[in-house]
Amino acid sequence: MEPVNVVLPWAGAATGAAGALWLALKVASSRWGFVCYLVSNVCWIAYGLSTAQWPLLAMNGVFTVISVVGLVRWFVSAEGGPAPARAGD
């Protein structure tokens, strides 16, 4: 196994767990959990590509979209928290 294929899954797991913990804490800086998620997604996508694990790649492609939605909702909002839901959401 190539060294990068050892580092990528550990980095993906660590940043994913850190992101989940950060969001679960519900502290003022929790929005940075989505940045951790995005880093995790990139690690898992790179790992999936390098090892031809297509289901892992597909799942993290979807998770990347979800992470971007979270980033937009938390970083674009004027209060620094999640943007308020609109009617019909």
PDB file of N, CA and C in Angstrom:
ATOM      1  N   MET A   1       0.851  -1.182   0.000  1.00  0.00           N
ATOM      2  CA  MET A   1       0.000   0.000   0.000  1.00  0.00           C
ATOM      3  C   MET A   1       0.895   1.243   0.000  1.00  0.00           C
ATOM      4  N   GLU A   2       0.566   2.167  -0.865  1.00  0.00           N
ATOM      5  CA  GLU A   2       1.333   3.404  -0.962  1.00  0.00           C
ATOM      6  C   GLU A   2       1.134   4.254   0.292  1.00  0.00           C
ATOM      7  N   PRO A   3       2.162   5.018   0.694  1.00  0.00           N
ATOM      8  CA  PRO A   3       2.032   5.855   1.903  1.00  0.00           C
ATOM      9  C   PRO A   3       0.841   6.802   1.871  1.00  0.00           C
ATOM     10  N   VAL A   4       0.537   7.358   0.700  1.00  0.00           N
ATOM     11  CA  VAL A   4      -0.594   8.287   0.612  1.00  0.00           C
ATOM     12  C   VAL A   4      -1.897   7.559   0.913  1.00  0.00           C
ATOM     13  N   ASN A   5      -1.983   6.285   0.567  1.00  0.00           N
ATOM     14  CA  ASN A   5      -3.187   5.511   0.839  1.00  0.00           C
ATOM     15  C   ASN A   5      -3.287   5.078   2.292  1.00  0.00           C
ATOM     16  N   VAL A   6      -2.261   5.325   3.058  1.00  0.00           N
ATOM     17  CA  VAL A   6      -2.326   5.116   4.514  1.00  0.00           C
ATOM     18  C   VAL A   6      -2.731   6.423   5.182  1.00  0.00           C
ATOM     19  N   VAL A   7      -2.177   7.522   4.716  1.00  0.00           N
ATOM     20  CA  VAL A   7      -2.429   8.837   5.314  1.00  0.00           C
ATOM     21  C   VAL A   7      -3.850   9.336   5.019  1.00  0.00           C
ATOM     22  N   LEU A   8      -4.313   9.178   3.797  1.00  0.00           N
ATOM     23  CA  LEU A   8      -5.620   9.730   3.405  1.00  0.00           C
ATOM     24  C   LEU A   8      -6.785   9.213   4.247  1.00  0.00           C
ATOM     25  N   PRO A   9      -6.911   7.892   4.461  1.00  0.00           N
ATOM     26  CA  PRO A   9      -8.054   7.457   5.268  1.00  0.00           C
ATOM     27  C   PRO A   9      -7.973   7.912   6.715  1.00  0.00           C
ATOM     28  N   TRP A  10      -6.777   7.955   7.276  1.00  0.00           N
ATOM     29  CA  TRP A  10      -6.646   8.439   8.661  1.00  0.00           C
ATOM     30  C   TRP A  10      -6.955   9.924   8.754  1.00  0.00           C
ATOM     31  N   ALA A  11      -6.493  10.691   7.779  1.00  0.00           N
ATOM     32  CA  ALA A  11      -6.791  12.126   7.763  1.00  0.00           C
ATOM     33  C   ALA A  11      -8.289  12.346   7.552  1.00  0.00           C
ATOM     34  N   GLY A  12      -8.900  11.572   6.671  1.00  0.00           N
ATOM     35  CA  GLY A  12     -10.336  11.677   6.434  1.00  0.00           C
ATOM     36  C   GLY A  12     -11.143  11.329   7.671  1.00  0.00           C
ATOM     37  N   ALA A  13     -10.735  10.261   8.357  1.00  0.00           N
ATOM     38  CA  ALA A  13     -11.443   9.845   9.570  1.00  0.00           C
ATOM     39  C   ALA A  13     -11.279  10.882  10.685  1.00  0.00           C
ATOM     40  N   ALA A  14     -10.070  11.374  10.866  1.00  0.00           N
ATOM     41  CA  ALA A  14      -9.804  12.333  11.949  1.00  0.00           C
ATOM     42  C   ALA A  14     -10.536  13.655  11.727  1.00  0.00           C
ATOM     43  N   THR A  15     -10.496  14.177  10.506  1.00  0.00           N
ATOM     44  CA  THR A  15     -11.161  15.458  10.255  1.00  0.00           C
ATOM     45  C   THR A  15     -12.680  15.307  10.244  1.00  0.00           C
ATOM     46  N   GLY A  16     -13.174  14.155   9.821  1.00  0.00           N
ATOM     47  CA  GLY A  16     -14.617  13.902   9.882  1.00  0.00           C
ATOM     48  C   GLY A  16     -15.113  13.831  11.317  1.00  0.00           C
ATOM     49  N   ALA A  17     -14.369  13.123  12.170  1.00  0.00           N
ATOM     50  CA  ALA A  17     -14.744  13.030  13.584  1.00  0.00           C
ATOM     51  C   ALA A  17     -14.639  14.391  14.268  1.00  0.00           C
ATOM     52  N   ALA A  18     -13.602  15.156  13.935  1.00  0.00           N
ATOM     53  CA  ALA A  18     -13.441  16.492  14.517  1.00  0.00           C
ATOM     54  C   ALA A  18     -14.599  17.400  14.108  1.00  0.00           C
ATOM     55  N   GLY A  19     -15.004  17.318  12.855  1.00  0.00           N
ATOM     56  CA  GLY A  19     -16.130  18.115  12.376  1.00  0.00           C
ATOM     57  C   GLY A  19     -17.419  17.761  13.086  1.00  0.00           C
ATOM     58  N   ALA A  20     -17.660  16.465  13.266  1.00  0.00           N
ATOM     59  CA  ALA A  20     -18.871  16.022  13.962  1.00  0.00           C
ATOM     60  C   ALA A  20     -18.872  16.505  15.412  1.00  0.00           C
ATOM     61  N   LEU A  21     -17.743  16.397  16.084  1.00  0.00           N
ATOM     62  CA  LEU A  21     -17.644  16.852  17.472  1.00  0.00           C
ATOM     63  C   LEU A  21     -17.862  18.352  17.564  1.00  0.00           C
ATOM     64  N   TRP A  22     -17.246  19.098  16.669  1.00  0.00           N
ATOM     65  CA  TRP A  22     -17.359  20.561  16.691  1.00  0.00           C
ATOM     66  C   TRP A  22     -18.815  21.004  16.532  1.00  0.00           C
ATOM     67  N   LEU A  23     -19.520  20.365  15.597  1.00  0.00           N
ATOM     68  CA  LEU A  23     -20.933  20.712  15.408  1.00  0.00           C
ATOM     69  C   LEU A  23     -21.777  20.279  16.610  1.00  0.00           C
ATOM     70  N   ALA A  24     -21.471  19.129  17.183  1.00  0.00           N
ATOM     71  CA  ALA A  24     -22.241  18.623  18.318  1.00  0.00           C
ATOM     72  C   ALA A  24     -22.077  19.499  19.558  1.00  0.00           C
ATOM     73  N   LEU A  25     -20.942  20.167  19.679  1.00  0.00           N
ATOM     74  CA  LEU A  25     -20.701  21.015  20.847  1.00  0.00           C
ATOM     75  C   LEU A  25     -21.582  22.263  20.861  1.00  0.00           C
ATOM     76  N   LYS A  26     -22.070  22.672  19.698  1.00  0.00           N
ATOM     77  CA  LYS A  26     -22.915  23.868  19.568  1.00  0.00           C
ATOM     78  C   LYS A  26     -22.297  25.080  20.266  1.00  0.00           C
ATOM     79  N   VAL A  27     -21.044  25.349  19.929  1.00  0.00           N
ATOM     80  CA  VAL A  27     -20.344  26.521  20.433  1.00  0.00           C
ATOM     81  C   VAL A  27     -20.280  27.568  19.329  1.00  0.00           C
ATOM     82  N   ALA A  28     -19.807  28.753  19.678  1.00  0.00           N
ATOM     83  CA  ALA A  28     -19.777  29.852  18.705  1.00  0.00           C
ATOM     84  C   ALA A  28     -18.979  29.507  17.443  1.00  0.00           C
ATOM     85  N   SER A  29     -17.979  28.671  17.583  1.00  0.00           N
ATOM     86  CA  SER A  29     -17.134  28.337  16.427  1.00  0.00           C
ATOM     87  C   SER A  29     -17.560  27.045  15.732  1.00  0.00           C
ATOM     88  N   SER A  30     -18.736  26.526  16.057  1.00  0.00           N
ATOM     89  CA  SER A  30     -19.179  25.239  15.495  1.00  0.00           C
ATOM     90  C   SER A  30     -19.234  25.212  13.969  1.00  0.00           C
ATOM     91  N   ARG A  31     -19.440  26.353  13.363  1.00  0.00           N
ATOM     92  CA  ARG A  31     -19.529  26.364  11.900  1.00  0.00           C
ATOM     93  C   ARG A  31     -18.262  25.841  11.243  1.00  0.00           C
ATOM     94  N   TRP A  32     -17.133  25.912  11.927  1.00  0.00           N
ATOM     95  CA  TRP A  32     -15.880  25.397  11.372  1.00  0.00           C
ATOM     96  C   TRP A  32     -15.894  23.882  11.249  1.00  0.00           C
ATOM     97  N   GLY A  33     -16.876  23.234  11.880  1.00  0.00           N
ATOM     98  CA  GLY A  33     -17.035  21.799  11.705  1.00  0.00           C
ATOM     99  C   GLY A  33     -17.287  21.433  10.251  1.00  0.00           C
ATOM    100  N   PHE A  34     -17.982  22.310   9.526  1.00  0.00           N
ATOM    101  CA  PHE A  34     -18.230  22.037   8.111  1.00  0.00           C
ATOM    102  C   PHE A  34     -16.950  22.143   7.289  1.00  0.00           C
ATOM    103  N   VAL A  35     -16.009  22.960   7.709  1.00  0.00           N
ATOM    104  CA  VAL A  35     -14.706  23.019   7.038  1.00  0.00           C
ATOM    105  C   VAL A  35     -13.984  21.692   7.254  1.00  0.00           C
ATOM    106  N   CYS A  36     -14.046  21.182   8.489  1.00  0.00           N
ATOM    107  CA  CYS A  36     -13.451  19.866   8.762  1.00  0.00           C
ATOM    108  C   CYS A  36     -14.096  18.796   7.895  1.00  0.00           C
ATOM    109  N   TYR A  37     -15.419  18.827   7.796  1.00  0.00           N
ATOM    110  CA  TYR A  37     -16.126  17.864   6.939  1.00  0.00           C
ATOM    111  C   TYR A  37     -15.640  17.951   5.500  1.00  0.00           C
ATOM    112  N   LEU A  38     -15.468  19.166   5.000  1.00  0.00           N
ATOM    113  CA  LEU A  38     -15.039  19.338   3.617  1.00  0.00           C
ATOM    114  C   LEU A  38     -13.638  18.764   3.403  1.00  0.00           C
ATOM    115  N   VAL A  39     -12.732  18.996   4.357  1.00  0.00           N
ATOM    116  CA  VAL A  39     -11.385  18.410   4.273  1.00  0.00           C
ATOM    117  C   VAL A  39     -11.492  16.884   4.286  1.00  0.00           C
ATOM    118  N   SER A  40     -12.338  16.366   5.160  1.00  0.00           N
ATOM    119  CA  SER A  40     -12.556  14.925   5.232  1.00  0.00           C
ATOM    120  C   SER A  40     -13.070  14.384   3.890  1.00  0.00           C
ATOM    121  N   ASN A  41     -14.038  15.078   3.306  1.00  0.00           N
ATOM    122  CA  ASN A  41     -14.594  14.655   2.008  1.00  0.00           C
ATOM    123  C   ASN A  41     -13.513  14.594   0.940  1.00  0.00           C
ATOM    124  N   VAL A  42     -12.662  15.602   0.904  1.00  0.00           N
ATOM    125  CA  VAL A  42     -11.586  15.638  -0.100  1.00  0.00           C
ATOM    126  C   VAL A  42     -10.628  14.458   0.104  1.00  0.00           C
ATOM    127  N   CYS A  43     -10.291  14.171   1.362  1.00  0.00           N
ATOM    128  CA  CYS A  43      -9.408  13.028   1.648  1.00  0.00           C
ATOM    129  C   CYS A  43     -10.030  11.719   1.177  1.00  0.00           C
ATOM    130  N   TRP A  44     -11.315  11.512   1.493  1.00  0.00           N
ATOM    131  CA  TRP A  44     -11.984  10.274   1.108  1.00  0.00           C
ATOM    132  C   TRP A  44     -12.177  10.175  -0.395  1.00  0.00           C
ATOM    133  N   ILE A  45     -12.427  11.287  -1.060  1.00  0.00           N
ATOM    134  CA  ILE A  45     -12.551  11.271  -2.523  1.00  0.00           C
ATOM    135  C   ILE A  45     -11.210  10.899  -3.152  1.00  0.00           C
ATOM    136  N   ALA A  46     -10.136  11.495  -2.677  1.00  0.00           N
ATOM    137  CA  ALA A  46      -8.805  11.173  -3.202  1.00  0.00           C
ATOM    138  C   ALA A  46      -8.474   9.698  -2.960  1.00  0.00           C
ATOM    139  N   TYR A  47      -8.812   9.206  -1.782  1.00  0.00           N
ATOM    140  CA  TYR A  47      -8.569   7.796  -1.464  1.00  0.00           C
ATOM    141  C   TYR A  47      -9.421   6.894  -2.359  1.00  0.00           C
ATOM    142  N   GLY A  48     -10.681   7.237  -2.526  1.00  0.00           N
ATOM    143  CA  GLY A  48     -11.559   6.451  -3.384  1.00  0.00           C
ATOM    144  C   GLY A  48     -11.071   6.402  -4.823  1.00  0.00           C
ATOM    145  N   LEU A  49     -10.583   7.527  -5.320  1.00  0.00           N
ATOM    146  CA  LEU A  49     -10.036   7.564  -6.678  1.00  0.00           C
ATOM    147  C   LEU A  49      -8.779   6.714  -6.805  1.00  0.00           C
ATOM    148  N   SER A  50      -7.879   6.832  -5.823  1.00  0.00           N
ATOM    149  CA  SER A  50      -6.597   6.130  -5.916  1.00  0.00           C
ATOM    150  C   SER A  50      -6.723   4.628  -5.701  1.00  0.00           C
ATOM    151  N   THR A  51      -7.821   4.182  -5.077  1.00  0.00           N
ATOM    152  CA  THR A  51      -8.002   2.754  -4.825  1.00  0.00           C
ATOM    153  C   THR A  51      -9.183   2.165  -5.588  1.00  0.00           C
ATOM    154  N   ALA A  52      -9.785   2.953  -6.475  1.00  0.00           N
ATOM    155  CA  ALA A  52     -10.933   2.526  -7.300  1.00  0.00           C
ATOM    156  C   ALA A  52     -12.097   2.027  -6.444  1.00  0.00           C
ATOM    157  N   GLN A  53     -12.344   2.700  -5.338  1.00  0.00           N
ATOM    158  CA  GLN A  53     -13.488   2.362  -4.490  1.00  0.00           C
ATOM    159  C   GLN A  53     -14.626   3.321  -4.837  1.00  0.00           C
ATOM    160  N   TRP A  54     -15.371   2.953  -5.864  1.00  0.00           N
ATOM    161  CA  TRP A  54     -16.380   3.836  -6.435  1.00  0.00           C
ATOM    162  C   TRP A  54     -17.530   4.143  -5.488  1.00  0.00           C
ATOM    163  N   PRO A  55     -18.021   3.198  -4.693  1.00  0.00           N
ATOM    164  CA  PRO A  55     -19.093   3.562  -3.752  1.00  0.00           C
ATOM    165  C   PRO A  55     -18.638   4.601  -2.719  1.00  0.00           C
ATOM    166  N   LEU A  56     -17.397   4.471  -2.242  1.00  0.00           N
ATOM    167  CA  LEU A  56     -16.844   5.444  -1.294  1.00  0.00           C
ATOM    168  C   LEU A  56     -16.738   6.811  -1.962  1.00  0.00           C
ATOM    169  N   LEU A  57     -16.317   6.822  -3.200  1.00  0.00           N
ATOM    170  CA  LEU A  57     -16.203   8.059  -3.968  1.00  0.00           C
ATOM    171  C   LEU A  57     -17.574   8.706  -4.154  1.00  0.00           C
ATOM    172  N   ALA A  58     -18.570   7.907  -4.519  1.00  0.00           N
ATOM    173  CA  ALA A  58     -19.922   8.434  -4.726  1.00  0.00           C
ATOM    174  C   ALA A  58     -20.497   9.002  -3.432  1.00  0.00           C
ATOM    175  N   MET A  59     -20.353   8.257  -2.336  1.00  0.00           N
ATOM    176  CA  MET A  59     -20.886   8.710  -1.054  1.00  0.00           C
ATOM    177  C   MET A  59     -20.252  10.042  -0.639  1.00  0.00           C
ATOM    178  N   ASN A  60     -18.955  10.162  -0.800  1.00  0.00           N
ATOM    179  CA  ASN A  60     -18.295  11.389  -0.392  1.00  0.00           C
ATOM    180  C   ASN A  60     -18.521  12.523  -1.370  1.00  0.00           C
ATOM    181  N   GLY A  61     -18.867  12.223  -2.594  1.00  0.00           N
ATOM    182  CA  GLY A  61     -19.315  13.264  -3.510  1.00  0.00           C
ATOM    183  C   GLY A  61     -20.603  13.902  -2.999  1.00  0.00           C
ATOM    184  N   VAL A  62     -21.535  13.057  -2.539  1.00  0.00           N
ATOM    185  CA  VAL A  62     -22.783  13.562  -1.955  1.00  0.00           C
ATOM    186  C   VAL A  62     -22.495  14.325  -0.668  1.00  0.00           C
ATOM    187  N   PHE A  63     -21.625  13.770   0.180  1.00  0.00           N
ATOM    188  CA  PHE A  63     -21.269  14.452   1.428  1.00  0.00           C
ATOM    189  C   PHE A  63     -20.613  15.811   1.158  1.00  0.00           C
ATOM    190  N   THR A  64     -19.882  15.927   0.064  1.00  0.00           N
ATOM    191  CA  THR A  64     -19.258  17.205  -0.288  1.00  0.00           C
ATOM    192  C   THR A  64     -20.324  18.250  -0.586  1.00  0.00           C
ATOM    193  N   VAL A  65     -21.357  17.857  -1.312  1.00  0.00           N
ATOM    194  CA  VAL A  65     -22.466  18.778  -1.593  1.00  0.00           C
ATOM    195  C   VAL A  65     -23.119  19.217  -0.284  1.00  0.00           C
ATOM    196  N   ILE A  66     -23.357  18.262   0.620  1.00  0.00           N
ATOM    197  CA  ILE A  66     -23.952  18.580   1.921  1.00  0.00           C
ATOM    198  C   ILE A  66     -23.041  19.515   2.721  1.00  0.00           C
ATOM    199  N   SER A  67     -21.749  19.272   2.686  1.00  0.00           N
ATOM    200  CA  SER A  67     -20.796  20.135   3.397  1.00  0.00           C
ATOM    201  C   SER A  67     -20.812  21.559   2.843  1.00  0.00           C
ATOM    202  N   VAL A  68     -20.904  21.692   1.527  1.00  0.00           N
ATOM    203  CA  VAL A  68     -20.961  23.021   0.910  1.00  0.00           C
ATOM    204  C   VAL A  68     -22.250  23.733   1.316  1.00  0.00           C
ATOM    205  N   VAL A  69     -23.369  23.010   1.356  1.00  0.00           N
ATOM    206  CA  VAL A  69     -24.626  23.610   1.823  1.00  0.00           C
ATOM    207  C   VAL A  69     -24.454  24.110   3.258  1.00  0.00           C
ATOM    208  N   GLY A  70     -23.840  23.309   4.118  1.00  0.00           N
ATOM    209  CA  GLY A  70     -23.591  23.724   5.495  1.00  0.00           C
ATOM    210  C   GLY A  70     -22.696  24.946   5.574  1.00  0.00           C
ATOM    211  N   LEU A  71     -21.650  24.968   4.752  1.00  0.00           N
ATOM    212  CA  LEU A  71     -20.752  26.132   4.740  1.00  0.00           C
ATOM    213  C   LEU A  71     -21.493  27.396   4.334  1.00  0.00           C
ATOM    214  N   VAL A  72     -22.310  27.291   3.297  1.00  0.00           N
ATOM    215  CA  VAL A  72     -23.057  28.460   2.826  1.00  0.00           C
ATOM    216  C   VAL A  72     -24.033  28.924   3.904  1.00  0.00           C
ATOM    217  N   ARG A  73     -24.755  27.990   4.512  1.00  0.00           N
ATOM    218  CA  ARG A  73     -25.751  28.360   5.522  1.00  0.00           C
ATOM    219  C   ARG A  73     -25.094  28.990   6.756  1.00  0.00           C
ATOM    220  N   TRP A  74     -23.924  28.520   7.157  1.00  0.00           N
ATOM    221  CA  TRP A  74     -23.290  29.021   8.374  1.00  0.00           C
ATOM    222  C   TRP A  74     -22.376  30.219   8.141  1.00  0.00           C
ATOM    223  N   PHE A  75     -21.752  30.315   6.968  1.00  0.00           N
ATOM    224  CA  PHE A  75     -20.809  31.411   6.748  1.00  0.00           C
ATOM    225  C   PHE A  75     -21.428  32.592   6.024  1.00  0.00           C
ATOM    226  N   VAL A  76     -22.528  32.402   5.315  1.00  0.00           N
ATOM    227  CA  VAL A  76     -23.148  33.494   4.579  1.00  0.00           C
ATOM    228  C   VAL A  76     -24.135  34.247   5.458  1.00  0.00           C
ATOM    229  N   SER A  77     -24.656  33.609   6.482  1.00  0.00           N
ATOM    230  CA  SER A  77     -25.613  34.228   7.394  1.00  0.00           C
ATOM    231  C   SER A  77     -24.983  35.420   8.099  1.00  0.00           C
ATOM    232  N   ALA A  78     -25.746  36.492   8.264  1.00  0.00           N
ATOM    233  CA  ALA A  78     -25.240  37.715   8.899  1.00  0.00           C
ATOM    234  C   ALA A  78     -24.880  37.503  10.358  1.00  0.00           C
ATOM    235  N   GLU A  79     -25.603  36.627  11.066  1.00  0.00           N
ATOM    236  CA  GLU A  79     -25.341  36.421  12.493  1.00  0.00           C
ATOM    237  C   GLU A  79     -24.220  35.431  12.753  1.00  0.00           C
ATOM    238  N   GLY A  80     -23.731  34.753  11.747  1.00  0.00           N
ATOM    239  CA  GLY A  80     -22.681  33.776  11.942  1.00  0.00           C
ATOM    240  C   GLY A  80     -23.219  32.414  12.346  1.00  0.00           C
ATOM    241  N   GLY A  81     -24.523  32.267  12.394  1.00  0.00           N
ATOM    242  CA  GLY A  81     -25.155  30.981  12.667  1.00  0.00           C
ATOM    243  C   GLY A  81     -25.841  30.511  11.411  1.00  0.00           C
ATOM    244  N   PRO A  82     -26.600  29.437  11.506  1.00  0.00           N
ATOM    245  CA  PRO A  82     -27.271  28.994  10.293  1.00  0.00           C
ATOM    246  C   PRO A  82     -28.272  30.026   9.798  1.00  0.00           C
ATOM    247  N   ALA A  83     -28.346  30.178   8.499  1.00  0.00           N
ATOM    248  CA  ALA A  83     -29.313  31.122   7.922  1.00  0.00           C
ATOM    249  C   ALA A  83     -30.705  30.633   8.259  1.00  0.00           C
ATOM    250  N   PRO A  84     -31.634  31.550   8.522  1.00  0.00           N
ATOM    251  CA  PRO A  84     -33.002  31.127   8.859  1.00  0.00           C
ATOM    252  C   PRO A  84     -33.642  30.409   7.678  1.00  0.00           C
ATOM    253  N   ALA A  85     -34.475  29.437   8.007  1.00  0.00           N
ATOM    254  CA  ALA A  85     -35.172  28.676   6.975  1.00  0.00           C
ATOM    255  C   ALA A  85     -36.215  29.564   6.304  1.00  0.00           C
ATOM    256  N   ARG A  86     -36.379  29.380   5.022  1.00  0.00           N
ATOM    257  CA  ARG A  86     -37.378  30.122   4.275  1.00  0.00           C
ATOM    258  C   ARG A  86     -38.692  29.337   4.280  1.00  0.00           C
ATOM    259  N   ALA A  87     -39.772  30.001   3.989  1.00  0.00           N
ATOM    260  CA  ALA A  87     -41.074  29.334   3.903  1.00  0.00           C
ATOM    261  C   ALA A  87     -40.984  28.225   2.853  1.00  0.00           C
ATOM    262  N   GLY A  88     -41.465  27.061   3.199  1.00  0.00           N
ATOM    263  CA  GLY A  88     -41.433  25.934   2.278  1.00  0.00           C
ATOM    264  C   GLY A  88     -40.208  25.073   2.421  1.00  0.00           C
ATOM    265  N   ASP A  89     -39.268  25.436   3.283  1.00  0.00           N
ATOM    266  CA  ASP A  89     -38.062  24.621   3.487  1.00  0.00           C
ATOM    267  C   ASP A  89     -38.341  23.449   4.397  1.00  0.00           C
TER     268      ASP A  89
END
